[in-house]
C-alpha atoms as a PDB file:
ATOM      1  CA  MET A   1     -25.939  12.628  -3.014  1.00  0.00           C
ATOM      2  CA  THR A   2     -23.008  10.146  -2.916  1.00  0.00           C
ATOM      3  CA  LYS A   3     -24.380   6.677  -3.119  1.00  0.00           C
ATOM      4  CA  PHE A   4     -22.735   4.554  -0.707  1.00  0.00           C
ATOM      5  CA  LEU A   5     -21.814   0.960  -1.712  1.00  0.00           C
ATOM      6  CA  PRO A   6     -22.458  -1.952   0.677  1.00  0.00           C
ATOM      7  CA  ASP A   7     -19.253  -3.762   1.967  1.00  0.00           C
ATOM      8  CA  HIS A   8     -19.930  -6.703  -0.425  1.00  0.00           C
ATOM      9  CA  ASP A   9     -19.793  -4.612  -3.327  1.00  0.00           C
ATOM     10  CA  LEU A  10     -17.022  -2.635  -2.053  1.00  0.00           C
ATOM     11  CA  LEU A  11     -15.088  -6.163  -1.741  1.00  0.00           C
ATOM     12  CA  ALA A  12     -16.229  -7.433  -5.264  1.00  0.00           C
ATOM     13  CA  ALA A  13     -14.618  -3.625  -6.593  1.00  0.00           C
ATOM     14  CA  TYR A  14     -11.496  -4.464  -4.602  1.00  0.00           C
ATOM     15  CA  ASP A  15     -10.988  -7.962  -6.456  1.00  0.00           C
ATOM     16  CA  ALA A  16     -11.965  -6.828  -9.649  1.00  0.00           C
ATOM     17  CA  GLN A  17      -9.906  -3.516  -9.904  1.00  0.00           C
ATOM     18  CA  LEU A  18      -6.905  -3.626  -7.012  1.00  0.00           C
ATOM     19  CA  ARG A  19      -5.457  -6.977  -7.739  1.00  0.00           C
ATOM     20  CA  GLU A  20      -3.448  -8.749 -10.377  1.00  0.00           C
ATOM     21  CA  ALA A  21      -1.676  -6.067 -12.870  1.00  0.00           C
ATOM     22  CA  SER A  22      -3.147  -3.097 -11.193  1.00  0.00           C
ATOM     23  CA  GLU A  23      -1.167  -3.962  -8.127  1.00  0.00           C
ATOM     24  CA  LEU A  24       1.886  -3.794 -10.166  1.00  0.00           C
ATOM     25  CA  ALA A  25       1.548  -0.523 -11.807  1.00  0.00           C
ATOM     26  CA  SER A  26       4.660   0.819 -10.510  1.00  0.00           C
ATOM     27  CA  ALA A  27       6.829  -2.419 -10.679  1.00  0.00           C
ATOM     28  CA  ASP A  28       9.983  -2.440 -12.756  1.00  0.00           C
ATOM     29  CA  THR A  29       8.818  -5.685 -14.443  1.00  0.00           C
ATOM     30  CA  PHE A  30       6.128  -8.225 -14.038  1.00  0.00           C
ATOM     31  CA  ASP A  31       5.239 -11.528 -15.649  1.00  0.00           C
ATOM     32  CA  ARG A  32       2.666 -14.211 -15.143  1.00  0.00           C
ATOM     33  CA  ALA A  33       2.891 -17.698 -14.018  1.00  0.00           C
ATOM     34  CA  GLY A  34      -0.813 -19.402 -14.253  1.00  0.00           C
ATOM     35  CA  PRO A  35      -2.945 -17.559 -11.946  1.00  0.00           C
ATOM     36  CA  LEU A  36      -0.135 -15.435 -10.312  1.00  0.00           C
ATOM     37  CA  TYR A  37       1.142 -11.992 -11.294  1.00  0.00           C
ATOM     38  CA  ARG A  38       5.099 -11.868 -10.292  1.00  0.00           C
ATOM     39  CA  GLY A  39       6.699  -8.603  -9.918  1.00  0.00           C
ATOM     40  CA  VAL A  40       9.919  -6.816  -9.403  1.00  0.00           C
ATOM     41  CA  PHE A  41      10.490  -3.505  -7.360  1.00  0.00           C
ATOM     42  CA  GLY A  42      14.386  -3.140  -7.293  1.00  0.00           C
ATOM     43  CA  ASP A  43      15.481  -5.869  -5.122  1.00  0.00           C
ATOM     44  CA  ARG A  44      12.008  -6.996  -3.830  1.00  0.00           C
ATOM     45  CA  GLY A  45       9.579  -9.419  -5.591  1.00  0.00           C
ATOM     46  CA  HIS A  46       5.718  -9.172  -5.104  1.00  0.00           C
ATOM     47  CA  VAL A  47       3.378 -11.925  -5.987  1.00  0.00           C
ATOM     48  CA  THR A  48      -0.281 -11.216  -6.402  1.00  0.00           C
ATOM     49  CA  TYR A  49      -3.457 -12.700  -8.191  1.00  0.00           C
ATOM     50  CA  ARG A  50      -7.299 -12.321  -8.047  1.00  0.00           C
ATOM     51  CA  ASP A  51      -7.790 -16.221  -7.277  1.00  0.00           C
ATOM     52  CA  LEU A  52      -5.842 -19.237  -7.600  1.00  0.00           C
ATOM     53  CA  GLY A  53      -8.154 -20.689 -10.072  1.00  0.00           C
ATOM     54  CA  GLY A  54      -9.077 -23.543  -7.873  1.00  0.00           C
ATOM     55  CA  LEU A  55      -5.734 -25.077  -7.160  1.00  0.00           C
ATOM     56  CA  THR A  56      -5.320 -27.083  -4.153  1.00  0.00           C
ATOM     57  CA  GLY A  57      -3.086 -30.042  -2.729  1.00  0.00           C
ATOM     58  CA  ALA A  58       0.071 -31.160  -4.792  1.00  0.00           C
ATOM     59  CA  ALA A  59      -0.928 -28.523  -7.544  1.00  0.00           C
ATOM     60  CA  LEU A  60      -0.866 -25.542  -5.353  1.00  0.00           C
ATOM     61  CA  ASP A  61       2.396 -26.862  -3.786  1.00  0.00           C
ATOM     62  CA  ASP A  62       4.014 -27.118  -7.221  1.00  0.00           C
ATOM     63  CA  LEU A  63       3.076 -23.229  -7.874  1.00  0.00           C
ATOM     64  CA  ILE A  64       4.465 -22.350  -4.607  1.00  0.00           C
ATOM     65  CA  ALA A  65       7.701 -24.111  -5.312  1.00  0.00           C
ATOM     66  CA  GLN A  66       8.010 -22.872  -8.584  1.00  0.00           C
ATOM     67  CA  THR A  67       7.355 -19.141  -7.335  1.00  0.00           C
ATOM     68  CA  VAL A  68      10.432 -19.683  -4.821  1.00  0.00           C
ATOM     69  CA  GLN A  69      12.441 -21.131  -7.488  1.00  0.00           C
ATOM     70  CA  HIS A  70      11.586 -18.165  -9.917  1.00  0.00           C
ATOM     71  CA  TYR A  71      12.747 -15.583  -7.225  1.00  0.00           C
ATOM     72  CA  ALA A  72      15.619 -17.438  -5.876  1.00  0.00           C
ATOM     73  CA  ALA A  73      16.932 -17.888  -9.744  1.00  0.00           C
ATOM     74  CA  ASN A  74      17.296 -13.712  -9.744  1.00  0.00           C
ATOM     75  CA  PRO A  75      20.237 -12.935  -7.986  1.00  0.00           C
ATOM     76  CA  GLN A  76      19.099  -9.001  -7.732  1.00  0.00           C
ATOM     77  CA  ILE A  77      16.218 -10.465  -5.597  1.00  0.00           C
ATOM     78  CA  THR A  78      16.942 -10.388  -1.935  1.00  0.00           C
ATOM     79  CA  SER A  79      13.330 -11.133  -0.617  1.00  0.00           C
ATOM     80  CA  PHE A  80       9.489 -11.506  -2.004  1.00  0.00           C
ATOM     81  CA  GLU A  81       6.278 -10.988  -0.629  1.00  0.00           C
ATOM     82  CA  TRP A  82       3.325 -13.287  -1.292  1.00  0.00           C
ATOM     83  CA  LYS A  83       0.416 -11.017  -0.530  1.00  0.00           C
ATOM     84  CA  THR A  84      -2.851 -13.068   0.911  1.00  0.00           C
ATOM     85  CA  ARG A  85      -6.221 -11.947   1.554  1.00  0.00           C
ATOM     86  CA  GLY A  86      -8.453 -13.267   4.430  1.00  0.00           C
ATOM     87  CA  HIS A  87     -11.297 -14.127   2.309  1.00  0.00           C
ATOM     88  CA  ASP A  88      -8.988 -16.164  -0.341  1.00  0.00           C
ATOM     89  CA  ALA A  89      -9.186 -20.051  -1.113  1.00  0.00           C
ATOM     90  CA  PRO A  90      -7.967 -22.383  -0.179  1.00  0.00           C
ATOM     91  CA  ALA A  91      -8.126 -22.137   3.583  1.00  0.00           C
ATOM     92  CA  ASP A  92      -4.979 -24.019   4.150  1.00  0.00           C
ATOM     93  CA  LEU A  93      -2.771 -21.665   1.537  1.00  0.00           C
ATOM     94  CA  PRO A  94      -1.033 -20.028   4.905  1.00  0.00           C
ATOM     95  CA  GLN A  95       0.140 -23.605   5.987  1.00  0.00           C
ATOM     96  CA  ARG A  96       1.489 -24.195   2.381  1.00  0.00           C
ATOM     97  CA  LEU A  97       3.405 -21.185   2.177  1.00  0.00           C
ATOM     98  CA  THR A  98       5.101 -21.682   5.581  1.00  0.00           C
ATOM     99  CA  ALA A  99       5.773 -25.086   4.420  1.00  0.00           C
ATOM    100  CA  HIS A 100       7.643 -23.568   1.843  1.00  0.00           C
ATOM    101  CA  GLY A 101      10.134 -21.283   3.778  1.00  0.00           C
ATOM    102  CA  LEU A 102       7.814 -18.043   3.641  1.00  0.00           C
ATOM    103  CA  VAL A 103       7.331 -16.205   7.134  1.00  0.00           C
ATOM    104  CA  PRO A 104       4.007 -14.545   7.864  1.00  0.00           C
ATOM    105  CA  GLY A 105       3.918 -10.911   8.537  1.00  0.00           C
ATOM    106  CA  GLU A 106       1.932  -8.514  10.487  1.00  0.00           C
ATOM    107  CA  VAL A 107      -1.999  -9.182   9.764  1.00  0.00           C
ATOM    108  CA  GLU A 108      -3.511  -5.679   8.357  1.00  0.00           C
ATOM    109  CA  THR A 109      -7.240  -4.559   7.981  1.00  0.00           C
ATOM    110  CA  VAL A 110      -8.125  -3.834   4.104  1.00  0.00           C
ATOM    111  CA  MET A 111     -10.234  -0.709   4.291  1.00  0.00           C
ATOM    112  CA  LEU A 112     -12.166   1.164   1.537  1.00  0.00           C
ATOM    113  CA  GLY A 113     -14.534   3.620   1.392  1.00  0.00           C
ATOM    114  CA  GLU A 114     -15.566   7.005  -0.703  1.00  0.00           C
ATOM    115  CA  ALA A 115     -12.823   9.514  -0.930  1.00  0.00           C
ATOM    116  CA  ALA A 116     -15.197  12.496  -0.377  1.00  0.00           C
ATOM    117  CA  ALA A 117     -15.881  11.233   3.156  1.00  0.00           C
ATOM    118  CA  LEU A 118     -12.095  11.705   3.837  1.00  0.00           C
ATOM    119  CA  ALA A 119     -11.815  14.849   2.214  1.00  0.00           C
ATOM    120  CA  GLY A 120     -13.003  17.315   4.737  1.00  0.00           C
ATOM    121  CA  PRO A 121     -11.188  20.180   6.361  1.00  0.00           C
ATOM    122  CA  VAL A 122      -8.747  19.274   9.871  1.00  0.00           C
ATOM    123  CA  SER A 123      -7.711  21.413  12.410  1.00  0.00           C
ATOM    124  CA  LEU A 124      -4.099  21.155  12.849  1.00  0.00           C
ATOM    125  CA  PRO A 125      -2.036  22.188  16.019  1.00  0.00           C
ATOM    126  CA  ASP A 126      -0.371  25.555  16.076  1.00  0.00           C
ATOM    127  CA  GLY A 127       2.888  25.903  14.114  1.00  0.00           C
ATOM    128  CA  VAL A 128       2.067  22.468  11.953  1.00  0.00           C
ATOM    129  CA  THR A 129       1.444  22.656   8.109  1.00  0.00           C
ATOM    130  CA  VAL A 130       1.022  19.931   5.507  1.00  0.00           C
ATOM    131  CA  ARG A 131       2.230  19.965   1.954  1.00  0.00           C
ATOM    132  CA  ARG A 132       3.161  17.983  -1.051  1.00  0.00           C
ATOM    133  CA  ILE A 133       6.381  17.636  -1.826  1.00  0.00           C
ATOM    134  CA  ASP A 134       6.449  15.594  -5.256  1.00  0.00           C
ATOM    135  CA  ASP A 135       5.420  18.384  -7.229  1.00  0.00           C
ATOM    136  CA  GLN A 136       8.388  20.686  -7.210  1.00  0.00           C
ATOM    137  CA  PRO A 137      11.094  21.171  -9.718  1.00  0.00           C
ATOM    138  CA  ASP A 138      13.735  19.197  -7.554  1.00  0.00           C
ATOM    139  CA  PRO A 139      12.033  17.164  -4.992  1.00  0.00           C
ATOM    140  CA  ARG A 140      15.224  15.016  -3.951  1.00  0.00           C
ATOM    141  CA  ALA A 141      16.283  16.880  -0.881  1.00  0.00           C
ATOM    142  CA  ASP A 142      12.619  16.788   0.722  1.00  0.00           C
ATOM    143  CA  VAL A 143      12.156  12.996  -0.656  1.00  0.00           C
ATOM    144  CA  GLU A 144      15.295  12.244   1.365  1.00  0.00           C
ATOM    145  CA  ARG A 145      14.317  13.956   4.237  1.00  0.00           C
ATOM    146  CA  MET A 146      10.751  12.227   4.531  1.00  0.00           C
ATOM    147  CA  SER A 147      12.504   8.785   3.818  1.00  0.00           C
ATOM    148  CA  ALA A 148      14.711   9.307   6.789  1.00  0.00           C
ATOM    149  CA  MET A 149      11.870  10.315   9.095  1.00  0.00           C
ATOM    150  CA  LEU A 150      10.023   7.429   8.228  1.00  0.00           C
ATOM    151  CA  GLY A 151      12.979   5.047   8.630  1.00  0.00           C
ATOM    152  CA  SER A 152      13.389   6.296  12.018  1.00  0.00           C
ATOM    153  CA  VAL A 153       9.594   5.923  12.813  1.00  0.00           C
ATOM    154  CA  PHE A 154       9.428   2.126  11.229  1.00  0.00           C
ATOM    155  CA  GLY A 155      12.640   1.016  12.467  1.00  0.00           C
ATOM    156  CA  HIS A 156      14.007  -0.007   8.848  1.00  0.00           C
ATOM    157  CA  ALA A 157      15.267   1.584   5.718  1.00  0.00           C
ATOM    158  CA  PHE A 158      12.854   3.410   3.812  1.00  0.00           C
ATOM    159  CA  GLY A 159      14.429   3.990   0.433  1.00  0.00           C
ATOM    160  CA  ALA A 160      14.420   7.388  -1.355  1.00  0.00           C
ATOM    161  CA  GLN A 161      16.030   6.255  -4.212  1.00  0.00           C
ATOM    162  CA  GLY A 162      13.309   3.892  -4.977  1.00  0.00           C
ATOM    163  CA  LEU A 163      10.491   6.694  -4.331  1.00  0.00           C
ATOM    164  CA  LEU A 164      12.719   8.989  -6.693  1.00  0.00           C
ATOM    165  CA  ARG A 165      12.605   6.229  -9.572  1.00  0.00           C
ATOM    166  CA  ARG A 166       8.870   5.613  -9.394  1.00  0.00           C
ATOM    167  CA  MET A 167       8.459   9.326  -9.449  1.00  0.00           C
ATOM    168  CA  ALA A 168      10.490   9.786 -12.584  1.00  0.00           C
ATOM    169  CA  ARG A 169       9.017   6.843 -14.402  1.00  0.00           C
ATOM    170  CA  SER A 170       4.997   7.713 -13.589  1.00  0.00           C
ATOM    171  CA  PRO A 171       4.886  11.114 -11.854  1.00  0.00           C
ATOM    172  CA  GLU A 172       1.047  10.766 -12.380  1.00  0.00           C
ATOM    173  CA  LEU A 173       0.800   7.608 -10.243  1.00  0.00           C
ATOM    174  CA  ILE A 174       2.206   8.764  -7.042  1.00  0.00           C
ATOM    175  CA  GLU A 175       1.975  11.880  -4.690  1.00  0.00           C
ATOM    176  CA  LEU A 176       4.315  12.222  -1.489  1.00  0.00           C
ATOM    177  CA  TRP A 177       2.615  14.256   1.313  1.00  0.00           C
ATOM    178  CA  VAL A 178       4.377  15.700   4.527  1.00  0.00           C
ATOM    179  CA  ALA A 179       3.470  17.514   7.962  1.00  0.00           C
ATOM    180  CA  GLU A 180       6.089  19.538   9.297  1.00  0.00           C
ATOM    181  CA  ALA A 181       6.577  21.576  12.817  1.00  0.00           C
ATOM    182  CA  GLY A 182       9.427  23.975  13.217  1.00  0.00           C
ATOM    183  CA  GLY A 183      10.803  23.151   9.682  1.00  0.00           C
ATOM    184  CA  GLU A 184      11.167  19.413  10.827  1.00  0.00           C
ATOM    185  CA  MET A 185       8.944  16.485   9.044  1.00  0.00           C
ATOM    186  CA  VAL A 186       7.011  14.815  11.622  1.00  0.00           C
ATOM    187  CA  SER A 187       4.671  12.918   9.665  1.00  0.00           C
ATOM    188  CA  ALA A 188       4.284  11.625   6.061  1.00  0.00           C
ATOM    189  CA  GLY A 189       2.411   9.329   3.749  1.00  0.00           C
ATOM    190  CA  ARG A 190       1.922   8.645  -0.063  1.00  0.00           C
ATOM    191  CA  LEU A 191      -1.172   8.652  -2.343  1.00  0.00           C
ATOM    192  CA  GLU A 192      -0.804   6.307  -5.159  1.00  0.00           C
ATOM    193  CA  TYR A 193      -3.073   6.137  -8.037  1.00  0.00           C
ATOM    194  CA  VAL A 194      -4.439   3.011  -9.786  1.00  0.00           C
ATOM    195  CA  PRO A 195      -4.717   3.375 -13.280  1.00  0.00           C
ATOM    196  CA  GLY A 196      -7.977   2.201 -14.998  1.00  0.00           C
ATOM    197  CA  SER A 197      -9.509   1.892 -11.381  1.00  0.00           C
ATOM    198  CA  ASP A 198     -11.992   4.055  -9.119  1.00  0.00           C
ATOM    199  CA  PHE A 199      -9.238   3.792  -6.743  1.00  0.00           C
ATOM    200  CA  ALA A 200      -6.471   5.619  -5.210  1.00  0.00           C
ATOM    201  CA  GLY A 201      -4.299   3.950  -2.300  1.00  0.00           C
ATOM    202  CA  LEU A 202      -3.044   5.666   0.981  1.00  0.00           C
ATOM    203  CA  TRP A 203       0.063   4.280   2.084  1.00  0.00           C
ATOM    204  CA  GLY A 204       3.412   4.645   4.045  1.00  0.00           C
ATOM    205  CA  GLY A 205       1.652   6.740   6.654  1.00  0.00           C
ATOM    206  CA  GLY A 206       4.143   7.364   9.656  1.00  0.00           C
ATOM    207  CA  THR A 207       4.338   9.773  12.485  1.00  0.00           C
ATOM    208  CA  ARG A 208       6.837  10.628  14.931  1.00  0.00           C
ATOM    209  CA  PRO A 209       5.938   9.052  18.505  1.00  0.00           C
ATOM    210  CA  GLU A 210       6.062  12.532  20.131  1.00  0.00           C
ATOM    211  CA  TRP A 211       3.640  13.838  17.514  1.00  0.00           C
ATOM    212  CA  ARG A 212       1.165  11.183  17.606  1.00  0.00           C
ATOM    213  CA  GLY A 213      -2.553  11.693  19.070  1.00  0.00           C
ATOM    214  CA  HIS A 214      -2.278  15.483  17.668  1.00  0.00           C
ATOM    215  CA  GLY A 215      -4.414  14.792  14.672  1.00  0.00           C
ATOM    216  CA  LEU A 216      -1.371  14.937  11.773  1.00  0.00           C
ATOM    217  CA  TYR A 217      -2.271  11.418  10.498  1.00  0.00           C
ATOM    218  CA  ARG A 218      -5.864  12.640   9.883  1.00  0.00           C
ATOM    219  CA  ALA A 219      -4.707  15.834   8.304  1.00  0.00           C
ATOM    220  CA  LEU A 220      -2.561  14.005   5.776  1.00  0.00           C
ATOM    221  CA  THR A 221      -5.079  11.478   5.223  1.00  0.00           C
ATOM    222  CA  ALA A 222      -7.963  14.168   4.587  1.00  0.00           C
ATOM    223  CA  ALA A 223      -5.151  16.171   2.202  1.00  0.00           C
ATOM    224  CA  ARG A 224      -4.516  13.240   0.226  1.00  0.00           C
ATOM    225  CA  ALA A 225      -8.375  12.275  -0.071  1.00  0.00           C
ATOM    226  CA  ALA A 226      -8.952  15.808  -1.386  1.00  0.00           C
ATOM    227  CA  SER A 227      -6.312  15.564  -3.774  1.00  0.00           C
ATOM    228  CA  ALA A 228      -7.551  12.103  -5.234  1.00  0.00           C
ATOM    229  CA  VAL A 229     -11.242  13.497  -5.436  1.00  0.00           C
ATOM    230  CA  ALA A 230      -9.808  16.568  -7.246  1.00  0.00           C
ATOM    231  CA  ARG A 231      -8.407  13.719  -9.610  1.00  0.00           C
ATOM    232  CA  GLY A 232     -11.823  12.104 -10.126  1.00  0.00           C
ATOM    233  CA  VAL A 233     -10.891   9.380  -7.832  1.00  0.00           C
ATOM    234  CA  ARG A 234     -14.046   7.719  -6.102  1.00  0.00           C
ATOM    235  CA  PHE A 235     -12.637   5.352  -3.830  1.00  0.00           C
ATOM    236  CA  LEU A 236      -9.603   4.871  -1.508  1.00  0.00           C
ATOM    237  CA  HIS A 237      -8.041   1.681  -0.125  1.00  0.00           C
ATOM    238  CA  SER A 238      -5.615   1.182   2.736  1.00  0.00           C
ATOM    239  CA  ASP A 239      -4.066  -1.597   4.048  1.00  0.00           C
ATOM    240  CA  CYS A 240      -3.857  -0.490   7.914  1.00  0.00           C
ATOM    241  CA  THR A 241      -2.535  -1.276  10.961  1.00  0.00           C
ATOM    242  CA  ALA A 242      -4.603  -1.220  14.457  1.00  0.00           C
ATOM    243  CA  MET A 243      -3.190   2.145  15.132  1.00  0.00           C
ATOM    244  CA  SER A 244      -4.504   4.004  12.011  1.00  0.00           C
ATOM    245  CA  ARG A 245      -7.823   1.946  11.457  1.00  0.00           C
ATOM    246  CA  PRO A 246      -9.810   3.757  14.010  1.00  0.00           C
ATOM    247  CA  ILE A 247      -8.864   7.107  12.383  1.00  0.00           C
ATOM    248  CA  LEU A 248      -9.839   5.952   8.904  1.00  0.00           C
ATOM    249  CA  GLU A 249     -13.079   4.402  10.285  1.00  0.00           C
ATOM    250  CA  ARG A 250     -14.036   7.775  11.636  1.00  0.00           C
ATOM    251  CA  GLY A 251     -13.516   9.202   8.065  1.00  0.00           C
ATOM    252  CA  GLY A 252     -15.946   6.779   6.749  1.00  0.00           C
ATOM    253  CA  LEU A 253     -13.536   3.850   5.301  1.00  0.00           C
ATOM    254  CA  ARG A 254     -14.748   0.283   6.142  1.00  0.00           C
ATOM    255  CA  PRO A 255     -13.015  -3.252   6.800  1.00  0.00           C
ATOM    256  CA  VAL A 256     -13.509  -5.645   4.128  1.00  0.00           C
ATOM    257  CA  THR A 257     -10.912  -8.109   4.418  1.00  0.00           C
ATOM    258  CA  THR A 258      -7.520  -8.646   5.978  1.00  0.00           C
ATOM    259  CA  THR A 259      -4.225  -9.036   4.263  1.00  0.00           C
ATOM    260  CA  THR A 260      -1.135 -10.994   5.749  1.00  0.00           C
ATOM    261  CA  PRO A 261       2.505 -10.882   3.793  1.00  0.00           C
ATOM    262  CA  TYR A 262       4.106 -14.029   3.632  1.00  0.00           C
ATOM    263  CA  VAL A 263       7.803 -13.398   2.859  1.00  0.00           C
ATOM    264  CA  TRP A 264      10.706 -15.299   1.571  1.00  0.00           C
ATOM    265  CA  GLN A 265      13.994 -13.979   2.344  1.00  0.00           C
ATOM    266  CA  ARG A 266      17.265 -14.904   0.505  1.00  0.00           C
END
């Protein structure tokens, strides 16, 4: 029988295993500056850390300013994200980030739980199938179709080339799953493994509006969870919106904190 962890232990595992270098496993490059890990993904930067080492006041302002200067000095970078969590200290970090020109994005809920709890069978509407697309000899056409579909769902570019580069560099760390109806991709999501941890992440879930409410997101979640369990993964994590949170909660994932991106644009 699976022994479920209490929420405070899940949060401790999240902080220990899913922050710092593990969050940048698929980055093109990353370096360190004090408590920060600074990654580069194509033309985007990403800042992560486990804690800020007690930095407050002017010392924290200096670190933020140095981070902005670091990315601004790289002409390749068009934007970077400083990823905050709701349980991070100090409490005035958001205000200090905005004072340096970073803009807060949407608050999402960090969900964690046992992968096995989400891996059960799910009924699909007639004519809908679920499959993995990254494990074929030449996945390019399907990855481009998936990216175009997600781009239309989210209203912004969803780069196929970045996914293809990541698949070529570390194929063992990423899986792409889609739901199809009548030969058309109508929902999709990624599964990303975190090296050296007990976790895999559920990312990029999107469904065409006319197909929402038919169980496709739940089916893709179950398929990805089953794949993770087969690889020996114990926990899943997801930064989720209000739309997907109830689905993940019904599957056994629990909210442990929130996350808010603070974004600098060139």
